[in-house]
Amino acid sequence: MNCQQVRLLFSAYLEAELQPGTRAELEAHLKLCPDCSRLLEATRSLEPEWSRLPEVELPAGLLQKLYLIPETAAAIRAGQKTRFSGWKFWLSPAFQPVLASLTVVLVVFSLLSFTTPGRSLKKSAALELRRSYSLAQKTLVKAGVLKDKLDGYRENFMASLEAVSIKQDKK
């Protein structure tokens, strides 16, 4: 028997609830282990203090729940449904933080999986390129209109110059 096992049996030993074989093993260990012997004596010295503590009344349903534990385990082994099966278990207050965490993880995962940052960057670059191309087209159209106007002015200007030079030649 090791120290951990012996320490778990102190309460049963002090209340004389151990089987004779287990009691003999525990006493043999106590003779060999001074640490466990000291701890048992310290526990024994607290025994008068325990009697002064108030009795704690157990909730009404606790004893019934404790009796149901073996039945629940047997039902699980037999393949029957227990009160933890079904969808109500997943909505219990104890499980709600797990559901909230799972929801956050799924939302983040879906955002990272289905909306890649590269896709939006590519989209914005294409949009900016289209805007620049459109602006360049507008500028070229304006330049073409300006060239046409200047060509029209040039013809008028040239005609005016020719008229002036003809008048000067006549003089």
Protein backbone atom coordinates (compact mmCIF):
# COMPACT_ATOMS: atom_id res chain seq x y z
CA MET A 1 0.00 0.00 0.00
CA ASN A 2 1.39 3.43 -0.89
CA CYS A 3 1.01 6.73 0.99
CA GLN A 4 -1.76 8.05 -1.25
CA GLN A 5 -3.90 4.95 -0.74
CA VAL A 6 -3.31 5.03 3.03
CA ARG A 7 -4.29 8.70 3.30
CA LEU A 8 -7.55 8.03 1.47
CA LEU A 9 -8.40 5.38 4.10
CA PHE A 10 -7.72 7.54 7.21
CA SER A 11 -11.37 8.46 7.73
CA ALA A 12 -12.55 4.86 7.46
CA TYR A 13 -9.71 3.74 9.77
CA LEU A 14 -10.59 6.28 12.47
CA GLU A 15 -14.25 5.29 12.31
CA ALA A 16 -13.35 1.55 12.42
CA GLU A 17 -15.02 0.84 9.09
CA LEU A 18 -12.13 -1.04 7.42
CA GLN A 19 -12.03 -4.76 6.70
CA PRO A 20 -9.52 -6.61 8.91
CA GLY A 21 -7.13 -7.31 6.01
CA THR A 22 -7.12 -3.69 4.84
CA ARG A 23 -6.75 -2.51 8.43
CA ALA A 24 -3.68 -4.74 8.91
CA GLU A 25 -2.09 -3.42 5.68
CA LEU A 26 -2.73 0.17 6.74
CA GLU A 27 -1.23 -0.39 10.21
CA ALA A 28 1.83 -2.08 8.66
CA HIS A 29 2.34 0.95 6.43
CA LEU A 30 1.93 3.33 9.39
CA LYS A 31 4.72 1.50 11.25
CA LEU A 32 7.08 1.99 8.30
CA CYS A 33 6.09 5.52 7.18
CA PRO A 34 6.64 8.34 9.70
CA ASP A 35 4.92 10.93 7.43
CA CYS A 36 1.67 9.00 7.28
CA SER A 37 1.86 8.29 11.03
CA ARG A 38 2.20 12.01 11.80
CA LEU A 39 -0.64 12.88 9.43
CA LEU A 40 -2.88 10.25 11.07
CA GLU A 41 -2.10 11.66 14.52
CA ALA A 42 -2.87 15.20 13.31
CA THR A 43 -6.15 13.96 11.85
CA ARG A 44 -6.95 12.11 15.09
CA SER A 45 -6.24 15.30 17.12
CA LEU A 46 -8.88 17.15 15.05
CA GLU A 47 -11.57 14.61 15.91
CA PRO A 48 -12.92 16.56 18.94
CA GLU A 49 -13.24 19.65 16.73
CA TRP A 50 -15.40 17.78 14.24
CA SER A 51 -18.01 17.03 16.85
CA ARG A 52 -18.45 20.77 17.44
CA LEU A 53 -19.22 21.48 13.78
CA PRO A 54 -22.91 21.88 12.95
CA GLU A 55 -24.71 19.11 11.14
CA VAL A 56 -25.27 19.87 7.49
CA GLU A 57 -28.70 19.04 6.17
CA LEU A 58 -28.68 17.55 2.73
CA PRO A 59 -31.05 18.82 0.06
CA ALA A 60 -34.18 16.71 -0.28
CA GLY A 61 -33.43 15.30 -3.73
CA LEU A 62 -29.72 14.60 -3.20
CA LEU A 63 -30.15 11.17 -1.66
CA GLN A 64 -32.51 10.13 -4.46
CA LYS A 65 -30.01 11.37 -7.07
CA LEU A 66 -27.21 9.44 -5.40
CA TYR A 67 -29.30 6.26 -5.49
CA LEU A 68 -29.98 6.83 -9.20
CA ILE A 69 -26.29 6.87 -10.15
CA PRO A 70 -25.91 3.05 -10.34
CA GLU A 71 -29.22 2.79 -12.23
CA THR A 72 -28.07 5.40 -14.74
CA ALA A 73 -24.78 3.58 -15.28
CA ALA A 74 -26.64 0.29 -15.74
CA ALA A 75 -29.00 1.96 -18.23
CA ILE A 76 -26.05 3.27 -20.23
CA ARG A 77 -24.48 -0.18 -20.33
CA ALA A 78 -27.81 -1.67 -21.39
CA GLY A 79 -28.10 0.89 -24.22
CA GLN A 80 -31.13 2.69 -22.85
CA LYS A 81 -31.56 6.42 -23.17
CA THR A 82 -30.65 8.46 -20.12
CA ARG A 83 -31.62 11.98 -19.20
CA PHE A 84 -28.44 13.27 -20.92
CA SER A 85 -29.44 11.99 -24.32
CA GLY A 86 -31.36 14.06 -26.82
CA TRP A 87 -31.32 17.71 -27.73
CA LYS A 88 -32.29 19.02 -24.27
CA PHE A 89 -28.84 18.11 -22.94
CA TRP A 90 -27.22 20.39 -25.50
CA LEU A 91 -29.34 23.33 -24.31
CA SER A 92 -28.67 22.82 -20.61
CA PRO A 93 -27.15 25.82 -18.77
CA ALA A 94 -23.97 23.89 -18.04
CA PHE A 95 -23.39 23.30 -21.74
CA GLN A 96 -24.24 26.82 -22.99
CA PRO A 97 -20.67 28.23 -22.70
CA VAL A 98 -19.46 25.33 -24.83
CA LEU A 99 -22.14 26.08 -27.42
CA ALA A 100 -21.22 29.78 -27.43
CA SER A 101 -17.53 28.96 -27.91
CA LEU A 102 -18.34 26.51 -30.68
CA THR A 103 -20.49 29.14 -32.41
CA VAL A 104 -17.66 31.71 -32.30
CA VAL A 105 -15.19 29.16 -33.69
CA LEU A 106 -17.55 28.24 -36.53
CA VAL A 107 -18.20 31.88 -37.45
CA VAL A 108 -14.48 32.72 -37.51
CA PHE A 109 -13.74 29.57 -39.49
CA SER A 110 -16.41 30.35 -42.07
CA LEU A 111 -15.24 33.96 -42.40
CA LEU A 112 -11.67 32.83 -42.96
CA SER A 113 -12.68 30.03 -45.33
CA PHE A 114 -15.25 31.71 -47.52
CA THR A 115 -14.04 35.34 -47.65
CA THR A 116 -10.36 35.30 -48.44
CA PRO A 117 -8.58 38.60 -48.00
CA GLY A 118 -6.92 38.10 -51.39
CA ARG A 119 -10.28 37.95 -53.12
CA SER A 120 -11.38 41.33 -51.77
CA LEU A 121 -7.97 42.81 -52.57
CA LYS A 122 -8.21 41.48 -56.10
CA LYS A 123 -11.70 42.90 -56.44
CA SER A 124 -10.65 46.36 -55.24
CA ALA A 125 -7.60 46.35 -57.55
CA ALA A 126 -9.80 45.46 -60.54
CA LEU A 127 -12.26 48.21 -59.61
CA GLU A 128 -9.45 50.77 -59.32
CA LEU A 129 -8.04 49.65 -62.68
CA ARG A 130 -11.48 50.07 -64.30
CA ARG A 131 -11.80 53.56 -62.81
CA SER A 132 -8.36 54.53 -64.12
CA TYR A 133 -9.17 53.13 -67.56
CA SER A 134 -12.49 54.97 -67.61
CA LEU A 135 -10.78 58.22 -66.62
CA ALA A 136 -8.16 57.72 -69.34
CA GLN A 137 -10.91 57.10 -71.90
CA LYS A 138 -12.72 60.27 -70.86
CA THR A 139 -9.48 62.25 -71.14
CA LEU A 140 -8.81 60.84 -74.61
CA VAL A 141 -12.34 61.69 -75.73
CA LYS A 142 -11.91 65.24 -74.43
CA ALA A 143 -8.55 65.48 -76.19
CA GLY A 144 -10.15 64.26 -79.44
CA VAL A 145 -12.94 66.83 -79.11
CA LEU A 146 -10.35 69.54 -78.38
CA LYS A 147 -8.29 68.44 -81.41
CA ASP A 148 -11.38 68.59 -83.61
CA LYS A 149 -12.19 72.06 -82.32
CA LEU A 150 -8.61 73.18 -82.86
CA ASP A 151 -8.72 71.75 -86.38
CA GLY A 152 -11.90 73.78 -86.98
CA TYR A 153 -10.22 76.91 -85.57
CA ARG A 154 -7.11 76.21 -87.65
CA GLU A 155 -9.13 76.11 -90.82
CA ASN A 156 -10.84 79.37 -89.89
CA PHE A 157 -7.52 80.85 -88.82
CA MET A 158 -5.82 79.75 -92.02
CA ALA A 159 -8.70 81.15 -94.07
CA SER A 160 -8.41 84.42 -92.14
CA LEU A 161 -4.64 84.53 -92.71
CA GLU A 162 -5.08 83.86 -96.39
CA ALA A 163 -7.69 86.60 -96.59
CA VAL A 164 -5.36 89.02 -94.81
CA SER A 165 -2.41 88.09 -96.99
CA ILE A 166 -4.52 88.44 -100.15
CA LYS A 167 -5.60 91.90 -99.02
CA GLN A 168 -2.03 92.86 -98.36
CA ASP A 169 -0.92 91.53 -101.71
CA LYS A 170 -3.57 93.63 -103.44
CA LYS A 171 -2.40 96.74 -101.80
